[in-house]
Amino acid sequence: MKALFLTVGLATVVAATPAHADDRADITALEAQWGKAFLASDYATVRRIVAPEFKLLRVESKGSADFTPRDRWLANAQRMTFNEYETKVIDVSVVGKTAVATVEGRWKISMAGRGTRDERFVLTDTWVKRNGSWQAMFRHSRPLEEVGIQP
């Protein structure tokens, strides 16, 4: 009886590993889609990617921090021209229906009346899986140099 329980337990662990690998691949693909959507001004795709309760925590290089809820974040993004947007997913950790992605990137954006911003950054995105699909519910963004990571 003990041997049967151990075998079933090991089978469960082995079966769970590929699901996490698939989830990591899905999150990595969604991160890439998000960037492509910014470049194409495809906000229908962005709206599908970000959850209704999405919010951004942006820490500025001056040390200030600001929480921005989804609707205001989308309105701000739509006023930007994304000249360049490059990201590289560094890590994805998955636990159940929650995932955290760490992403390094660079963007060059223009905004009327505010000039151009050319910046390297690090993101931490928190994802939730609902009805079989992943959505980003929280993004923490910070200029890369501020966290001590060298390009």
N, C-alpha and C. Protein backbone atom coordinates (compact mmCIF):
# COMPACT_ATOMS: atom_id res chain seq x y z
N MET A 1 0.82 -1.18 0.00
CA MET A 1 0.00 0.00 0.00
C MET A 1 0.87 1.25 0.00
N LYS A 2 1.93 1.28 0.80
CA LYS A 2 2.82 2.44 0.82
C LYS A 2 3.51 2.62 -0.53
N ALA A 3 3.91 1.53 -1.17
CA ALA A 3 4.58 1.62 -2.46
C ALA A 3 3.64 2.21 -3.51
N LEU A 4 2.39 1.86 -3.48
CA LEU A 4 1.41 2.39 -4.42
C LEU A 4 1.24 3.89 -4.22
N PHE A 5 1.16 4.34 -2.99
CA PHE A 5 1.02 5.76 -2.69
C PHE A 5 2.23 6.55 -3.19
N LEU A 6 3.42 6.02 -2.97
CA LEU A 6 4.64 6.68 -3.42
C LEU A 6 4.67 6.77 -4.93
N THR A 7 4.28 5.72 -5.62
CA THR A 7 4.26 5.72 -7.08
C THR A 7 3.27 6.75 -7.60
N VAL A 8 2.10 6.82 -7.04
CA VAL A 8 1.10 7.79 -7.46
C VAL A 8 1.62 9.20 -7.20
N GLY A 9 2.26 9.42 -6.04
CA GLY A 9 2.81 10.74 -5.73
C GLY A 9 3.87 11.16 -6.72
N LEU A 10 4.76 10.25 -7.11
CA LEU A 10 5.79 10.58 -8.09
C LEU A 10 5.18 10.87 -9.46
N ALA A 11 4.17 10.12 -9.84
CA ALA A 11 3.51 10.36 -11.12
C ALA A 11 2.90 11.75 -11.15
N THR A 12 2.36 12.19 -10.04
CA THR A 12 1.77 13.52 -9.97
C THR A 12 2.83 14.59 -10.16
N VAL A 13 3.98 14.43 -9.52
CA VAL A 13 5.06 15.41 -9.66
C VAL A 13 5.55 15.44 -11.10
N VAL A 14 5.77 14.29 -11.71
CA VAL A 14 6.25 14.22 -13.09
C VAL A 14 5.22 14.85 -14.03
N ALA A 15 3.95 14.60 -13.81
CA ALA A 15 2.91 15.14 -14.68
C ALA A 15 2.80 16.66 -14.54
N ALA A 16 3.13 17.20 -13.37
CA ALA A 16 3.01 18.64 -13.17
C ALA A 16 4.13 19.42 -13.85
N THR A 17 5.29 18.82 -14.02
CA THR A 17 6.44 19.53 -14.58
C THR A 17 6.19 20.03 -16.00
N PRO A 18 5.69 19.22 -16.94
CA PRO A 18 5.46 19.75 -18.29
C PRO A 18 4.43 20.88 -18.32
N ALA A 19 3.43 20.83 -17.45
CA ALA A 19 2.44 21.91 -17.42
C ALA A 19 3.12 23.23 -17.08
N HIS A 20 4.03 23.23 -16.11
CA HIS A 20 4.75 24.45 -15.76
C HIS A 20 5.62 24.91 -16.92
N ALA A 21 6.25 23.98 -17.62
CA ALA A 21 7.07 24.36 -18.78
C ALA A 21 6.20 25.01 -19.84
N ASP A 22 5.02 24.45 -20.09
CA ASP A 22 4.09 25.05 -21.05
C ASP A 22 3.63 26.43 -20.58
N ASP A 23 3.35 26.56 -19.29
CA ASP A 23 2.92 27.84 -18.74
C ASP A 23 4.03 28.88 -18.90
N ARG A 24 5.27 28.49 -18.63
CA ARG A 24 6.39 29.43 -18.79
C ARG A 24 6.50 29.87 -20.25
N ALA A 25 6.35 28.93 -21.17
CA ALA A 25 6.39 29.28 -22.60
C ALA A 25 5.24 30.20 -22.97
N ASP A 26 4.05 29.95 -22.42
CA ASP A 26 2.89 30.82 -22.69
C ASP A 26 3.13 32.24 -22.19
N ILE A 27 3.66 32.37 -20.98
CA ILE A 27 3.93 33.69 -20.41
C ILE A 27 4.98 34.41 -21.25
N THR A 28 6.04 33.71 -21.64
CA THR A 28 7.09 34.31 -22.47
C THR A 28 6.50 34.80 -23.80
N ALA A 29 5.64 34.01 -24.40
CA ALA A 29 4.99 34.41 -25.66
C ALA A 29 4.08 35.62 -25.44
N LEU A 30 3.36 35.65 -24.34
CA LEU A 30 2.48 36.80 -24.05
C LEU A 30 3.28 38.07 -23.82
N GLU A 31 4.42 37.96 -23.16
CA GLU A 31 5.28 39.13 -22.97
C GLU A 31 5.71 39.69 -24.33
N ALA A 32 6.06 38.80 -25.27
CA ALA A 32 6.44 39.23 -26.62
C ALA A 32 5.26 39.86 -27.36
N GLN A 33 4.08 39.25 -27.22
CA GLN A 33 2.88 39.81 -27.86
C GLN A 33 2.57 41.21 -27.33
N TRP A 34 2.75 41.40 -26.05
CA TRP A 34 2.49 42.68 -25.41
C TRP A 34 3.37 43.76 -26.05
N GLY A 35 4.66 43.45 -26.21
CA GLY A 35 5.57 44.40 -26.83
C GLY A 35 5.21 44.69 -28.29
N LYS A 36 4.88 43.65 -29.05
CA LYS A 36 4.48 43.84 -30.45
C LYS A 36 3.21 44.67 -30.54
N ALA A 37 2.30 44.47 -29.61
CA ALA A 37 1.06 45.24 -29.61
C ALA A 37 1.33 46.72 -29.35
N PHE A 38 2.27 47.02 -28.44
CA PHE A 38 2.65 48.42 -28.22
C PHE A 38 3.18 49.04 -29.51
N LEU A 39 4.10 48.34 -30.17
CA LEU A 39 4.70 48.87 -31.40
C LEU A 39 3.68 49.09 -32.51
N ALA A 40 2.66 48.23 -32.55
CA ALA A 40 1.63 48.32 -33.60
C ALA A 40 0.43 49.16 -33.17
N SER A 41 0.48 49.74 -31.97
CA SER A 41 -0.68 50.46 -31.40
C SER A 41 -1.93 49.59 -31.42
N ASP A 42 -1.75 48.31 -31.13
CA ASP A 42 -2.84 47.33 -31.12
C ASP A 42 -3.36 47.19 -29.69
N TYR A 43 -4.22 48.11 -29.29
CA TYR A 43 -4.68 48.13 -27.91
C TYR A 43 -5.78 47.11 -27.64
N ALA A 44 -6.36 46.53 -28.68
CA ALA A 44 -7.30 45.41 -28.46
C ALA A 44 -6.53 44.22 -27.88
N THR A 45 -5.34 43.97 -28.40
CA THR A 45 -4.49 42.88 -27.88
C THR A 45 -4.04 43.21 -26.46
N VAL A 46 -3.63 44.45 -26.24
CA VAL A 46 -3.19 44.85 -24.89
C VAL A 46 -4.33 44.64 -23.89
N ARG A 47 -5.55 45.01 -24.27
CA ARG A 47 -6.71 44.84 -23.36
C ARG A 47 -6.96 43.37 -23.04
N ARG A 48 -6.72 42.48 -23.99
CA ARG A 48 -6.89 41.03 -23.72
C ARG A 48 -5.81 40.52 -22.78
N ILE A 49 -4.61 41.09 -22.89
CA ILE A 49 -3.49 40.61 -22.08
C ILE A 49 -3.60 41.07 -20.64
N VAL A 50 -4.07 42.30 -20.41
CA VAL A 50 -4.12 42.81 -19.04
C VAL A 50 -5.50 42.58 -18.42
N ALA A 51 -5.49 42.10 -17.20
CA ALA A 51 -6.72 41.78 -16.48
C ALA A 51 -7.49 43.06 -16.12
N PRO A 52 -8.79 42.93 -15.87
CA PRO A 52 -9.58 44.11 -15.49
C PRO A 52 -9.03 44.84 -14.27
N GLU A 53 -8.44 44.12 -13.34
CA GLU A 53 -7.91 44.74 -12.12
C GLU A 53 -6.44 45.11 -12.24
N PHE A 54 -5.88 45.04 -13.45
CA PHE A 54 -4.47 45.37 -13.68
C PHE A 54 -4.12 46.74 -13.11
N LYS A 55 -2.92 46.82 -12.55
CA LYS A 55 -2.36 48.12 -12.19
C LYS A 55 -0.85 48.06 -12.34
N LEU A 56 -0.29 49.23 -12.55
CA LEU A 56 1.14 49.40 -12.73
C LEU A 56 1.71 50.15 -11.54
N LEU A 57 2.84 49.68 -11.05
CA LEU A 57 3.62 50.44 -10.09
C LEU A 57 4.89 50.84 -10.82
N ARG A 58 5.01 52.12 -11.11
CA ARG A 58 6.20 52.63 -11.80
C ARG A 58 7.03 53.40 -10.81
N VAL A 59 8.29 52.98 -10.67
CA VAL A 59 9.23 53.68 -9.83
C VAL A 59 10.13 54.49 -10.77
N GLU A 60 10.13 55.78 -10.59
CA GLU A 60 10.91 56.67 -11.45
C GLU A 60 12.36 56.72 -10.98
N SER A 61 13.26 57.15 -11.86
CA SER A 61 14.67 57.24 -11.52
C SER A 61 14.92 58.22 -10.38
N LYS A 62 14.01 59.16 -10.16
CA LYS A 62 14.15 60.13 -9.06
C LYS A 62 13.71 59.53 -7.73
N GLY A 63 13.19 58.30 -7.74
CA GLY A 63 12.77 57.65 -6.51
C GLY A 63 11.29 57.72 -6.23
N SER A 64 10.54 58.49 -7.02
CA SER A 64 9.09 58.55 -6.79
C SER A 64 8.43 57.30 -7.33
N ALA A 65 7.29 56.96 -6.76
CA ALA A 65 6.54 55.78 -7.19
C ALA A 65 5.09 56.16 -7.37
N ASP A 66 4.45 55.50 -8.34
CA ASP A 66 3.06 55.83 -8.64
C ASP A 66 2.31 54.57 -9.05
N PHE A 67 1.19 54.32 -8.40
CA PHE A 67 0.28 53.24 -8.82
C PHE A 67 -0.65 53.80 -9.88
N THR A 68 -0.78 53.11 -10.98
CA THR A 68 -1.67 53.54 -12.06
C THR A 68 -2.65 52.42 -12.36
N PRO A 69 -3.96 52.65 -12.17
CA PRO A 69 -4.95 51.62 -12.50
C PRO A 69 -5.06 51.43 -14.01
N ARG A 70 -5.61 50.31 -14.40
CA ARG A 70 -5.69 49.87 -15.79
C ARG A 70 -6.20 50.95 -16.75
N ASP A 71 -7.35 51.55 -16.47
CA ASP A 71 -7.93 52.50 -17.41
C ASP A 71 -7.02 53.70 -17.65
N ARG A 72 -6.45 54.24 -16.57
CA ARG A 72 -5.54 55.37 -16.73
C ARG A 72 -4.25 54.95 -17.43
N TRP A 73 -3.74 53.76 -17.11
CA TRP A 73 -2.54 53.23 -17.74
C TRP A 73 -2.76 53.07 -19.24
N LEU A 74 -3.91 52.50 -19.64
CA LEU A 74 -4.22 52.35 -21.07
C LEU A 74 -4.32 53.70 -21.77
N ALA A 75 -4.98 54.66 -21.13
CA ALA A 75 -5.10 56.00 -21.73
C ALA A 75 -3.72 56.63 -21.91
N ASN A 76 -2.85 56.50 -20.91
CA ASN A 76 -1.49 57.03 -21.02
C ASN A 76 -0.72 56.34 -22.15
N ALA A 77 -0.80 55.03 -22.22
CA ALA A 77 -0.08 54.28 -23.26
C ALA A 77 -0.53 54.68 -24.65
N GLN A 78 -1.81 54.95 -24.82
CA GLN A 78 -2.33 55.31 -26.14
C GLN A 78 -1.90 56.71 -26.58
N ARG A 79 -1.43 57.52 -25.66
CA ARG A 79 -0.90 58.84 -26.02
C ARG A 79 0.58 58.78 -26.39
N MET A 80 1.20 57.61 -26.19
CA MET A 80 2.62 57.44 -26.48
C MET A 80 2.81 56.89 -27.90
N THR A 81 3.93 57.27 -28.50
CA THR A 81 4.36 56.65 -29.74
C THR A 81 5.53 55.75 -29.37
N PHE A 82 5.37 54.46 -29.58
CA PHE A 82 6.42 53.51 -29.26
C PHE A 82 7.33 53.37 -30.48
N ASN A 83 8.48 54.05 -30.44
CA ASN A 83 9.44 53.99 -31.53
C ASN A 83 10.23 52.69 -31.48
N GLU A 84 10.56 52.25 -30.29
CA GLU A 84 11.25 50.98 -30.07
C GLU A 84 10.72 50.38 -28.77
N TYR A 85 10.63 49.04 -28.74
CA TYR A 85 10.22 48.35 -27.53
C TYR A 85 10.79 46.94 -27.62
N GLU A 86 11.80 46.67 -26.82
CA GLU A 86 12.48 45.38 -26.83
C GLU A 86 12.46 44.80 -25.42
N THR A 87 12.15 43.53 -25.31
CA THR A 87 12.17 42.89 -23.99
C THR A 87 12.81 41.51 -24.09
N LYS A 88 13.33 41.08 -22.95
CA LYS A 88 13.89 39.74 -22.82
C LYS A 88 13.41 39.18 -21.49
N VAL A 89 12.69 38.06 -21.55
CA VAL A 89 12.21 37.42 -20.33
C VAL A 89 13.40 36.71 -19.68
N ILE A 90 13.68 37.09 -18.45
CA ILE A 90 14.80 36.53 -17.70
C ILE A 90 14.38 35.28 -16.92
N ASP A 91 13.15 35.32 -16.38
CA ASP A 91 12.70 34.20 -15.55
C ASP A 91 11.18 34.21 -15.49
N VAL A 92 10.61 33.03 -15.42
CA VAL A 92 9.17 32.88 -15.16
C VAL A 92 9.03 31.80 -14.08
N SER A 93 8.37 32.15 -12.99
CA SER A 93 8.08 31.19 -11.92
C SER A 93 6.57 30.99 -11.88
N VAL A 94 6.16 29.73 -11.85
CA VAL A 94 4.74 29.39 -11.86
C VAL A 94 4.40 28.58 -10.62
N VAL A 95 3.33 28.99 -9.93
CA VAL A 95 2.79 28.23 -8.82
C VAL A 95 1.28 28.21 -9.02
N GLY A 96 0.78 27.04 -9.38
CA GLY A 96 -0.65 26.90 -9.62
C GLY A 96 -1.10 27.80 -10.76
N LYS A 97 -2.05 28.68 -10.45
CA LYS A 97 -2.61 29.57 -11.47
C LYS A 97 -2.05 30.99 -11.36
N THR A 98 -0.87 31.10 -10.77
CA THR A 98 -0.20 32.38 -10.64
C THR A 98 1.22 32.25 -11.17
N ALA A 99 1.68 33.27 -11.87
CA ALA A 99 3.04 33.27 -12.39
C ALA A 99 3.64 34.66 -12.21
N VAL A 100 4.95 34.69 -12.06
CA VAL A 100 5.68 35.94 -11.98
C VAL A 100 6.78 35.90 -13.03
N ALA A 101 6.81 36.91 -13.89
CA ALA A 101 7.83 37.00 -14.93
C ALA A 101 8.74 38.19 -14.63
N THR A 102 10.03 37.97 -14.77
CA THR A 102 11.02 39.04 -14.65
C THR A 102 11.52 39.32 -16.05
N VAL A 103 11.47 40.60 -16.44
CA VAL A 103 11.73 41.00 -17.82
C VAL A 103 12.68 42.19 -17.83
N GLU A 104 13.71 42.13 -18.66
CA GLU A 104 14.55 43.29 -18.91
C GLU A 104 14.15 43.86 -20.25
N GLY A 105 14.26 45.18 -20.39
CA GLY A 105 13.88 45.74 -21.67
C GLY A 105 14.42 47.13 -21.90
N ARG A 106 14.06 47.64 -23.06
CA ARG A 106 14.42 48.99 -23.47
C ARG A 106 13.29 49.54 -24.31
N TRP A 107 13.00 50.79 -24.12
CA TRP A 107 12.00 51.43 -24.97
C TRP A 107 12.46 52.83 -25.32
N LYS A 108 11.97 53.25 -26.46
CA LYS A 108 12.15 54.63 -26.88
C LYS A 108 10.76 55.10 -27.27
N ILE A 109 10.23 56.03 -26.48
CA ILE A 109 8.86 56.49 -26.69
C ILE A 109 8.84 58.01 -26.83
N SER A 110 7.83 58.48 -27.51
CA SER A 110 7.59 59.91 -27.63
C SER A 110 6.19 60.18 -27.13
N MET A 111 6.04 61.35 -26.52
CA MET A 111 4.73 61.76 -26.06
C MET A 111 4.61 63.26 -26.30
N ALA A 112 3.56 63.66 -26.97
CA ALA A 112 3.38 65.06 -27.33
C ALA A 112 3.55 65.96 -26.11
N GLY A 113 4.39 66.97 -26.26
CA GLY A 113 4.61 67.92 -25.19
C GLY A 113 5.55 67.46 -24.10
N ARG A 114 5.97 66.19 -24.16
CA ARG A 114 6.84 65.67 -23.09
C ARG A 114 8.16 65.14 -23.62
N GLY A 115 8.37 65.22 -24.94
CA GLY A 115 9.63 64.80 -25.51
C GLY A 115 9.73 63.29 -25.68
N THR A 116 10.98 62.83 -25.76
CA THR A 116 11.27 61.41 -26.00
C THR A 116 11.98 60.83 -24.79
N ARG A 117 11.64 59.61 -24.48
CA ARG A 117 12.29 58.89 -23.38
C ARG A 117 12.93 57.64 -23.98
N ASP A 118 14.21 57.49 -23.76
CA ASP A 118 14.97 56.31 -24.19
C ASP A 118 15.51 55.68 -22.92
N GLU A 119 15.00 54.51 -22.56
CA GLU A 119 15.26 53.98 -21.22
C GLU A 119 15.36 52.47 -21.22
N ARG A 120 16.29 51.97 -20.41
CA ARG A 120 16.36 50.54 -20.11
C ARG A 120 15.61 50.34 -18.80
N PHE A 121 14.93 49.20 -18.68
CA PHE A 121 14.10 48.98 -17.49
C PHE A 121 14.07 47.51 -17.12
N VAL A 122 13.58 47.26 -15.93
CA VAL A 122 13.28 45.90 -15.48
C VAL A 122 11.82 45.89 -15.04
N LEU A 123 11.13 44.83 -15.42
CA LEU A 123 9.72 44.66 -15.09
C LEU A 123 9.55 43.39 -14.27
N THR A 124 8.59 43.41 -13.37
CA THR A 124 8.12 42.20 -12.73
C THR A 124 6.62 42.16 -12.99
N ASP A 125 6.19 41.16 -13.76
CA ASP A 125 4.78 41.02 -14.11
C ASP A 125 4.19 39.84 -13.35
N THR A 126 3.05 40.07 -12.72
CA THR A 126 2.31 39.01 -12.03
C THR A 126 1.14 38.62 -12.92
N TRP A 127 1.03 37.34 -13.21
CA TRP A 127 0.01 36.79 -14.11
C TRP A 127 -0.92 35.87 -13.34
N VAL A 128 -2.18 35.81 -13.76
CA VAL A 128 -3.15 34.85 -13.22
C VAL A 128 -3.77 34.10 -14.39
N LYS A 129 -4.07 32.84 -14.14
CA LYS A 129 -4.69 32.00 -15.17
C LYS A 129 -6.16 31.83 -14.84
N ARG A 130 -7.01 32.29 -15.76
CA ARG A 130 -8.46 32.20 -15.58
C ARG A 130 -9.06 31.58 -16.84
N ASN A 131 -9.92 30.61 -16.65
CA ASN A 131 -10.58 29.96 -17.78
C ASN A 131 -9.58 29.52 -18.85
N GLY A 132 -8.41 29.04 -18.41
CA GLY A 132 -7.40 28.52 -19.32
C GLY A 132 -6.51 29.56 -19.99
N SER A 133 -6.69 30.85 -19.67
CA SER A 133 -5.88 31.90 -20.30
C SER A 133 -5.17 32.73 -19.24
N TRP A 134 -3.94 33.14 -19.56
CA TRP A 134 -3.17 33.99 -18.66
C TRP A 134 -3.46 35.46 -18.92
N GLN A 135 -3.55 36.24 -17.84
CA GLN A 135 -3.67 37.69 -17.93
C GLN A 135 -2.75 38.32 -16.90
N ALA A 136 -2.16 39.45 -17.29
CA ALA A 136 -1.31 40.20 -16.36
C ALA A 136 -2.21 41.03 -15.45
N MET A 137 -1.96 40.92 -14.14
CA MET A 137 -2.78 41.70 -13.22
C MET A 137 -1.98 42.78 -12.50
N PHE A 138 -0.64 42.66 -12.53
CA PHE A 138 0.18 43.65 -11.86
C PHE A 138 1.52 43.74 -12.55
N ARG A 139 2.00 44.97 -12.75
CA ARG A 139 3.32 45.19 -13.34
C ARG A 139 4.06 46.19 -12.46
N HIS A 140 5.29 45.81 -12.10
CA HIS A 140 6.19 46.71 -11.39
C HIS A 140 7.29 47.07 -12.38
N SER A 141 7.48 48.35 -12.65
CA SER A 141 8.44 48.83 -13.63
C SER A 141 9.41 49.79 -12.97
N ARG A 142 10.69 49.60 -13.31
CA ARG A 142 11.72 50.45 -12.71
C ARG A 142 12.86 50.61 -13.70
N PRO A 143 13.44 51.81 -13.81
CA PRO A 143 14.61 51.97 -14.68
C PRO A 143 15.69 50.98 -14.28
N LEU A 144 16.34 50.36 -15.25
CA LEU A 144 17.29 49.28 -14.99
C LEU A 144 18.46 49.71 -14.12
N GLU A 145 19.03 50.85 -14.37
CA GLU A 145 20.20 51.29 -13.61
C GLU A 145 19.88 51.47 -12.13
N GLU A 146 18.63 51.78 -11.82
CA GLU A 146 18.23 52.02 -10.44
C GLU A 146 18.27 50.76 -9.58
N VAL A 147 18.20 49.59 -10.19
CA VAL A 147 18.21 48.37 -9.39
C VAL A 147 19.58 47.71 -9.37
N GLY A 148 20.56 48.40 -9.95
CA GLY A 148 21.93 47.89 -9.88
C GLY A 148 22.26 46.82 -10.89
N ILE A 149 21.41 46.58 -11.87
CA ILE A 149 21.70 45.61 -12.92
C ILE A 149 22.41 46.36 -14.03
N GLN A 150 23.55 45.88 -14.43
CA GLN A 150 24.31 46.54 -15.49
C GLN A 150 23.97 45.95 -16.83
N PRO A 151 23.83 46.80 -17.85
CA PRO A 151 23.51 46.30 -19.21
C PRO A 151 24.58 45.38 -19.76
